[in-house]
Amino acid sequence: MGEMAAYGLPMLHAISGSDYTPNFYFKGKAKWWNAYTKDPSIAKVFCQVLKNPREAPKFFEDVELFMLEKIYNAADPESGCTKVRLEMLKAANSADDVRLICPSEDALHQQILRAVYVSMFWMESNLKIMKLPSQRGWGWCDQNQFKWNSKPIYAHKLHDLTYTCGCRTSDCTKCKCRNCWRKCACAGYCKKVFSISFYINMYYNCLL
């Protein structure tokens, strides 16, 4: 491993999931490592980010392209997260398939910022006094809460509109579908509805 690839390792570890950053569902360290070692260009990007942390937004597109192409094996990674997510959503047949969808562009940006901050923390861990900025603005709302995205969240509205349990009693805790992947949203006398097409139509309007 060259010096440049070694310098970018903290960023690789942080962005792929660590004790301080969330990981990508079903995308383990081995996959990230193999992609990293086979693509010198991303090591260069990580080095540039770590040397100039406040310029991280300039490299969002480079990291996004790497993730879509190497980690999610997107057919058209250059189309961006939004279109790739839509294609993955169209192909989804189960809850697990939905969980495998790549993050939104905004969510990825927050993850990159968290990874940069955590990398800075690790790289200054040998110093008696660290000179780190506040976590706010680096993927956190405060010290204990992640900032998942900076755009409005519509998921809870889609949940209410598209999926209810199907029970016929006023006490939904006793219905047979209480263990389904989405909890019942009704107060009783509901009808089970789950429409992928509805999600796709709403996708364009809400940009999930």
C-alpha atoms as a PDB file:
ATOM      1  CA  MET A   1       0.000   0.000   0.000  1.00  0.00           C
ATOM      2  CA  GLY A   2       1.336   3.419  -0.940  1.00  0.00           C
ATOM      3  CA  GLU A   3       1.641   6.443   1.320  1.00  0.00           C
ATOM      4  CA  MET A   4      -1.410   8.129  -0.213  1.00  0.00           C
ATOM      5  CA  ALA A   5      -3.664   5.091   0.296  1.00  0.00           C
ATOM      6  CA  ALA A   6      -2.442   4.723   3.875  1.00  0.00           C
ATOM      7  CA  TYR A   7      -3.149   8.389   4.615  1.00  0.00           C
ATOM      8  CA  GLY A   8      -6.746   7.972   3.467  1.00  0.00           C
ATOM      9  CA  LEU A   9      -7.459   4.941   5.679  1.00  0.00           C
ATOM     10  CA  PRO A  10      -9.105   6.894   8.529  1.00  0.00           C
ATOM     11  CA  MET A  11     -11.595   8.301   6.039  1.00  0.00           C
ATOM     12  CA  LEU A  12     -12.272   4.850   4.598  1.00  0.00           C
ATOM     13  CA  HIS A  13     -12.897   3.387   8.035  1.00  0.00           C
ATOM     14  CA  ALA A  14     -15.141   6.250   9.130  1.00  0.00           C
ATOM     15  CA  ILE A  15     -17.290   6.496   6.010  1.00  0.00           C
ATOM     16  CA  SER A  16     -17.906   2.740   5.812  1.00  0.00           C
ATOM     17  CA  GLY A  17     -19.136   2.615   9.410  1.00  0.00           C
ATOM     18  CA  SER A  18     -17.396   2.796  12.769  1.00  0.00           C
ATOM     19  CA  ASP A  19     -18.086   3.258  16.476  1.00  0.00           C
ATOM     20  CA  TYR A  20     -18.876   6.902  15.726  1.00  0.00           C
ATOM     21  CA  THR A  21     -20.539   6.693  12.306  1.00  0.00           C
ATOM     22  CA  PRO A  22     -23.410   4.563  10.933  1.00  0.00           C
ATOM     23  CA  ASN A  23     -22.757   1.955   8.269  1.00  0.00           C
ATOM     24  CA  PHE A  24     -24.482   1.175   4.980  1.00  0.00           C
ATOM     25  CA  TYR A  25     -26.928  -1.708   5.221  1.00  0.00           C
ATOM     26  CA  PHE A  26     -25.335  -4.966   4.069  1.00  0.00           C
ATOM     27  CA  LYS A  27     -22.209  -3.181   2.762  1.00  0.00           C
ATOM     28  CA  GLY A  28     -19.419  -4.540   4.923  1.00  0.00           C
ATOM     29  CA  LYS A  29     -15.819  -3.492   5.436  1.00  0.00           C
ATOM     30  CA  ALA A  30     -14.509  -6.112   3.008  1.00  0.00           C
ATOM     31  CA  LYS A  31     -16.467  -4.629   0.113  1.00  0.00           C
ATOM     32  CA  TRP A  32     -15.264  -1.115   0.899  1.00  0.00           C
ATOM     33  CA  TRP A  33     -11.683  -2.314   1.335  1.00  0.00           C
ATOM     34  CA  ASN A  34     -11.625  -4.201  -1.957  1.00  0.00           C
ATOM     35  CA  ALA A  35     -13.074  -1.222  -3.800  1.00  0.00           C
ATOM     36  CA  TYR A  36     -10.627   1.167  -2.123  1.00  0.00           C
ATOM     37  CA  THR A  37      -7.517  -0.848  -2.918  1.00  0.00           C
ATOM     38  CA  LYS A  38      -8.540  -1.281  -6.556  1.00  0.00           C
ATOM     39  CA  ASP A  39      -9.311   2.407  -7.171  1.00  0.00           C
ATOM     40  CA  PRO A  40      -6.352   4.757  -6.482  1.00  0.00           C
ATOM     41  CA  SER A  41      -8.464   7.776  -7.429  1.00  0.00           C
ATOM     42  CA  ILE A  42     -10.638   7.514  -4.308  1.00  0.00           C
ATOM     43  CA  ALA A  43      -7.553   7.350  -2.094  1.00  0.00           C
ATOM     44  CA  LYS A  44      -6.440  10.631  -3.660  1.00  0.00           C
ATOM     45  CA  VAL A  45      -9.862  12.148  -2.961  1.00  0.00           C
ATOM     46  CA  PHE A  46      -9.784  11.018   0.677  1.00  0.00           C
ATOM     47  CA  CYS A  47      -6.287  12.495   1.102  1.00  0.00           C
ATOM     48  CA  GLN A  48      -7.386  15.828  -0.329  1.00  0.00           C
ATOM     49  CA  VAL A  49     -10.404  15.877   1.961  1.00  0.00           C
ATOM     50  CA  LEU A  50      -8.337  15.128   5.052  1.00  0.00           C
ATOM     51  CA  LYS A  51      -5.765  17.781   4.195  1.00  0.00           C
ATOM     52  CA  ASN A  52      -8.495  20.374   3.625  1.00  0.00           C
ATOM     53  CA  PRO A  53     -11.511  19.260   5.718  1.00  0.00           C
ATOM     54  CA  ARG A  54     -13.508  22.441   5.199  1.00  0.00           C
ATOM     55  CA  GLU A  55     -13.386  21.873   1.441  1.00  0.00           C
ATOM     56  CA  ALA A  56     -15.069  18.469   1.784  1.00  0.00           C
ATOM     57  CA  PRO A  57     -18.235  19.584  -0.115  1.00  0.00           C
ATOM     58  CA  LYS A  58     -16.101  19.983  -3.240  1.00  0.00           C
ATOM     59  CA  PHE A  59     -15.512  16.240  -3.242  1.00  0.00           C
ATOM     60  CA  PHE A  60     -19.081  15.081  -2.597  1.00  0.00           C
ATOM     61  CA  GLU A  61     -19.613  14.133  -6.243  1.00  0.00           C
ATOM     62  CA  ASP A  62     -16.385  12.091  -6.384  1.00  0.00           C
ATOM     63  CA  VAL A  63     -17.327  10.076  -3.303  1.00  0.00           C
ATOM     64  CA  GLU A  64     -20.892   9.637  -4.567  1.00  0.00           C
ATOM     65  CA  LEU A  65     -19.671   8.265  -7.898  1.00  0.00           C
ATOM     66  CA  PHE A  66     -17.301   5.858  -6.147  1.00  0.00           C
ATOM     67  CA  MET A  67     -20.027   4.596  -3.830  1.00  0.00           C
ATOM     68  CA  LEU A  68     -22.611   4.066  -6.562  1.00  0.00           C
ATOM     69  CA  GLU A  69     -20.186   2.379  -8.934  1.00  0.00           C
ATOM     70  CA  LYS A  70     -18.064   0.271  -6.573  1.00  0.00           C
ATOM     71  CA  ILE A  71     -20.241  -0.319  -3.523  1.00  0.00           C
ATOM     72  CA  TYR A  72     -23.754  -0.474  -5.014  1.00  0.00           C
ATOM     73  CA  ASN A  73     -22.743  -1.649  -8.505  1.00  0.00           C
ATOM     74  CA  ALA A  74     -25.151   0.793 -10.127  1.00  0.00           C
ATOM     75  CA  ALA A  75     -25.725   0.366 -13.855  1.00  0.00           C
ATOM     76  CA  ASP A  76     -25.469   4.124 -14.391  1.00  0.00           C
ATOM     77  CA  PRO A  77     -23.551   5.600 -11.438  1.00  0.00           C
ATOM     78  CA  GLU A  78     -23.039   8.932 -13.172  1.00  0.00           C
ATOM     79  CA  SER A  79     -26.800   9.554 -13.057  1.00  0.00           C
ATOM     80  CA  GLY A  80     -26.512  10.217  -9.307  1.00  0.00           C
ATOM     81  CA  CYS A  81     -28.111   8.913  -6.136  1.00  0.00           C
ATOM     82  CA  THR A  82     -31.618  10.143  -6.917  1.00  0.00           C
ATOM     83  CA  LYS A  83     -32.031   8.202 -10.164  1.00  0.00           C
ATOM     84  CA  VAL A  84     -30.171   5.135  -8.876  1.00  0.00           C
ATOM     85  CA  ARG A  85     -32.434   5.056  -5.811  1.00  0.00           C
ATOM     86  CA  LEU A  86     -35.486   5.230  -8.044  1.00  0.00           C
ATOM     87  CA  GLU A  87     -34.333   2.289 -10.166  1.00  0.00           C
ATOM     88  CA  MET A  88     -33.580   0.264  -7.030  1.00  0.00           C
ATOM     89  CA  LEU A  89     -37.002   1.148  -5.642  1.00  0.00           C
ATOM     90  CA  LYS A  90     -38.701  -0.011  -8.839  1.00  0.00           C
ATOM     91  CA  ALA A  91     -36.915  -3.349  -8.552  1.00  0.00           C
ATOM     92  CA  ALA A  92     -37.724  -3.805  -4.848  1.00  0.00           C
ATOM     93  CA  ASN A  93     -39.874  -6.818  -4.010  1.00  0.00           C
ATOM     94  CA  SER A  94     -39.555  -6.925  -0.241  1.00  0.00           C
ATOM     95  CA  ALA A  95     -38.668  -4.915   2.826  1.00  0.00           C
ATOM     96  CA  ASP A  96     -35.073  -6.155   2.648  1.00  0.00           C
ATOM     97  CA  ASP A  97     -34.832  -4.924  -0.935  1.00  0.00           C
ATOM     98  CA  VAL A  98     -35.946  -1.475   0.214  1.00  0.00           C
ATOM     99  CA  ARG A  99     -33.316  -1.467   2.948  1.00  0.00           C
ATOM    100  CA  LEU A 100     -30.651  -2.230   0.358  1.00  0.00           C
ATOM    101  CA  ILE A 101     -31.381   0.988  -1.543  1.00  0.00           C
ATOM    102  CA  CYS A 102     -28.471   3.403  -1.574  1.00  0.00           C
ATOM    103  CA  PRO A 103     -28.710   6.545   0.586  1.00  0.00           C
ATOM    104  CA  SER A 104     -30.076   9.774  -0.776  1.00  0.00           C
ATOM    105  CA  GLU A 105     -27.615  12.388  -1.969  1.00  0.00           C
ATOM    106  CA  ASP A 106     -28.301  14.535   1.070  1.00  0.00           C
ATOM    107  CA  ALA A 107     -27.907  11.631   3.518  1.00  0.00           C
ATOM    108  CA  LEU A 108     -24.625  10.656   1.857  1.00  0.00           C
ATOM    109  CA  HIS A 109     -23.336  14.201   2.213  1.00  0.00           C
ATOM    110  CA  GLN A 110     -24.057  14.094   5.944  1.00  0.00           C
ATOM    111  CA  GLN A 111     -22.239  10.766   6.214  1.00  0.00           C
ATOM    112  CA  ILE A 112     -19.209  12.202   4.418  1.00  0.00           C
ATOM    113  CA  LEU A 113     -19.126  15.160   6.795  1.00  0.00           C
ATOM    114  CA  ARG A 114     -19.309  12.807   9.791  1.00  0.00           C
ATOM    115  CA  ALA A 115     -16.503  10.706   8.346  1.00  0.00           C
ATOM    116  CA  VAL A 116     -14.317  13.780   7.872  1.00  0.00           C
ATOM    117  CA  TYR A 117     -14.923  14.944  11.435  1.00  0.00           C
ATOM    118  CA  VAL A 118     -14.226  11.532  12.961  1.00  0.00           C
ATOM    119  CA  SER A 119     -11.076  11.215  10.834  1.00  0.00           C
ATOM    120  CA  MET A 120      -9.871  14.569  12.138  1.00  0.00           C
ATOM    121  CA  PHE A 121     -10.515  13.301  15.670  1.00  0.00           C
ATOM    122  CA  TRP A 122      -8.466  10.154  15.084  1.00  0.00           C
ATOM    123  CA  MET A 123      -5.628  12.030  13.405  1.00  0.00           C
ATOM    124  CA  GLU A 124      -5.321  14.358  16.418  1.00  0.00           C
ATOM    125  CA  SER A 125      -5.689  11.629  19.023  1.00  0.00           C
ATOM    126  CA  ASN A 126      -1.969  11.814  19.835  1.00  0.00           C
ATOM    127  CA  LEU A 127      -2.201  15.497  20.778  1.00  0.00           C
ATOM    128  CA  LYS A 128      -2.616  16.617  24.354  1.00  0.00           C
ATOM    129  CA  ILE A 129      -5.136  19.255  23.325  1.00  0.00           C
ATOM    130  CA  MET A 130      -7.201  18.693  20.181  1.00  0.00           C
ATOM    131  CA  LYS A 131      -8.243  21.599  18.007  1.00  0.00           C
ATOM    132  CA  LEU A 132     -11.529  20.325  16.635  1.00  0.00           C
ATOM    133  CA  PRO A 133     -14.527  22.414  15.533  1.00  0.00           C
ATOM    134  CA  SER A 134     -17.996  21.879  16.949  1.00  0.00           C
ATOM    135  CA  GLN A 135     -19.768  18.729  15.748  1.00  0.00           C
ATOM    136  CA  ARG A 136     -22.678  20.851  14.553  1.00  0.00           C
ATOM    137  CA  GLY A 137     -22.385  21.229  10.808  1.00  0.00           C
ATOM    138  CA  TRP A 138     -20.396  18.004  10.467  1.00  0.00           C
ATOM    139  CA  GLY A 139     -23.243  15.508  10.281  1.00  0.00           C
ATOM    140  CA  TRP A 140     -24.577  16.054  13.800  1.00  0.00           C
ATOM    141  CA  CYS A 141     -27.441  18.135  15.147  1.00  0.00           C
ATOM    142  CA  ASP A 142     -25.733  18.099  18.535  1.00  0.00           C
ATOM    143  CA  GLN A 143     -23.235  15.918  20.364  1.00  0.00           C
ATOM    144  CA  ASN A 144     -25.565  12.943  20.679  1.00  0.00           C
ATOM    145  CA  GLN A 145     -27.804  13.063  17.615  1.00  0.00           C
ATOM    146  CA  PHE A 146     -26.963  12.427  13.982  1.00  0.00           C
ATOM    147  CA  LYS A 147     -28.182  14.810  11.341  1.00  0.00           C
ATOM    148  CA  TRP A 148     -29.476  12.351   8.779  1.00  0.00           C
ATOM    149  CA  ASN A 149     -30.410  14.944   6.177  1.00  0.00           C
ATOM    150  CA  SER A 150     -31.066  18.640   5.738  1.00  0.00           C
ATOM    151  CA  LYS A 151     -34.258  18.305   3.689  1.00  0.00           C
ATOM    152  CA  PRO A 152     -37.871  17.665   4.815  1.00  0.00           C
ATOM    153  CA  ILE A 153     -38.701  14.045   5.686  1.00  0.00           C
ATOM    154  CA  TYR A 154     -41.839  12.583   4.114  1.00  0.00           C
ATOM    155  CA  ALA A 155     -41.410   8.947   5.119  1.00  0.00           C
ATOM    156  CA  HIS A 156     -43.891   9.089   8.013  1.00  0.00           C
ATOM    157  CA  LYS A 157     -46.535  10.599   5.721  1.00  0.00           C
ATOM    158  CA  LEU A 158     -46.019   7.877   3.121  1.00  0.00           C
ATOM    159  CA  HIS A 159     -46.260   5.277   5.865  1.00  0.00           C
ATOM    160  CA  ASP A 160     -49.659   6.543   6.955  1.00  0.00           C
ATOM    161  CA  LEU A 161     -50.930   6.666   3.380  1.00  0.00           C
ATOM    162  CA  THR A 162     -49.547   3.459   1.934  1.00  0.00           C
ATOM    163  CA  TYR A 163     -49.446   0.737   4.566  1.00  0.00           C
ATOM    164  CA  THR A 164     -51.839  -0.233   7.303  1.00  0.00           C
ATOM    165  CA  CYS A 165     -52.283  -3.556   9.007  1.00  0.00           C
ATOM    166  CA  GLY A 166     -55.585  -4.986   7.767  1.00  0.00           C
ATOM    167  CA  CYS A 167     -57.045  -5.847  11.156  1.00  0.00           C
ATOM    168  CA  ARG A 168     -60.764  -5.463  11.873  1.00  0.00           C
ATOM    169  CA  THR A 169     -60.595  -4.614  15.537  1.00  0.00           C
ATOM    170  CA  SER A 170     -60.163  -1.398  17.444  1.00  0.00           C
ATOM    171  CA  ASP A 171     -57.150  -2.929  19.212  1.00  0.00           C
ATOM    172  CA  CYS A 172     -54.470  -3.266  16.551  1.00  0.00           C
ATOM    173  CA  THR A 173     -52.003  -4.789  19.013  1.00  0.00           C
ATOM    174  CA  LYS A 174     -53.938  -8.054  18.747  1.00  0.00           C
ATOM    175  CA  CYS A 175     -53.991  -8.355  14.987  1.00  0.00           C
ATOM    176  CA  LYS A 176     -52.093 -11.121  13.193  1.00  0.00           C
ATOM    177  CA  CYS A 177     -49.899  -8.703  11.245  1.00  0.00           C
ATOM    178  CA  ARG A 178     -48.407  -7.064  14.340  1.00  0.00           C
ATOM    179  CA  ASN A 179     -45.026  -8.476  13.380  1.00  0.00           C
ATOM    180  CA  CYS A 180     -45.040  -7.072   9.858  1.00  0.00           C
ATOM    181  CA  TRP A 181     -42.107  -4.952   8.727  1.00  0.00           C
ATOM    182  CA  ARG A 182     -44.118  -1.743   9.028  1.00  0.00           C
ATOM    183  CA  LYS A 183     -46.120  -1.232  12.196  1.00  0.00           C
ATOM    184  CA  CYS A 184     -49.817  -0.606  11.979  1.00  0.00           C
ATOM    185  CA  ALA A 185     -50.653   3.063  11.456  1.00  0.00           C
ATOM    186  CA  CYS A 186     -54.405   2.820  11.913  1.00  0.00           C
ATOM    187  CA  ALA A 187     -56.704   3.021  14.910  1.00  0.00           C
ATOM    188  CA  GLY A 188     -58.749   0.043  13.760  1.00  0.00           C
ATOM    189  CA  TYR A 189     -61.012  -0.902  10.834  1.00  0.00           C
ATOM    190  CA  CYS A 190     -58.186  -0.496   8.380  1.00  0.00           C
ATOM    191  CA  LYS A 191     -57.361  -2.172   5.125  1.00  0.00           C
ATOM    192  CA  LYS A 192     -53.939  -3.395   4.104  1.00  0.00           C
ATOM    193  CA  VAL A 193     -52.502  -1.332   1.286  1.00  0.00           C
ATOM    194  CA  PHE A 194     -48.941  -1.461   0.022  1.00  0.00           C
ATOM    195  CA  SER A 195     -48.261   0.070  -3.355  1.00  0.00           C
ATOM    196  CA  ILE A 196     -44.729   0.377  -4.727  1.00  0.00           C
ATOM    197  CA  SER A 197     -46.148   2.450  -7.592  1.00  0.00           C
ATOM    198  CA  PHE A 198     -47.397   4.980  -5.065  1.00  0.00           C
ATOM    199  CA  TYR A 199     -43.907   5.317  -3.623  1.00  0.00           C
ATOM    200  CA  ILE A 200     -42.491   5.830  -7.109  1.00  0.00           C
ATOM    201  CA  ASN A 201     -45.020   8.548  -7.922  1.00  0.00           C
ATOM    202  CA  MET A 202     -44.394  10.290  -4.614  1.00  0.00           C
ATOM    203  CA  TYR A 203     -40.644   9.947  -5.133  1.00  0.00           C
ATOM    204  CA  TYR A 204     -40.616  12.582  -7.835  1.00  0.00           C
ATOM    205  CA  ASN A 205     -42.685  14.979  -5.747  1.00  0.00           C
ATOM    206  CA  CYS A 206     -40.981  14.474  -2.374  1.00  0.00           C
ATOM    207  CA  LEU A 207     -37.449  13.415  -3.407  1.00  0.00           C
ATOM    208  CA  LEU A 208     -37.164  10.782  -0.684  1.00  0.00           C
END
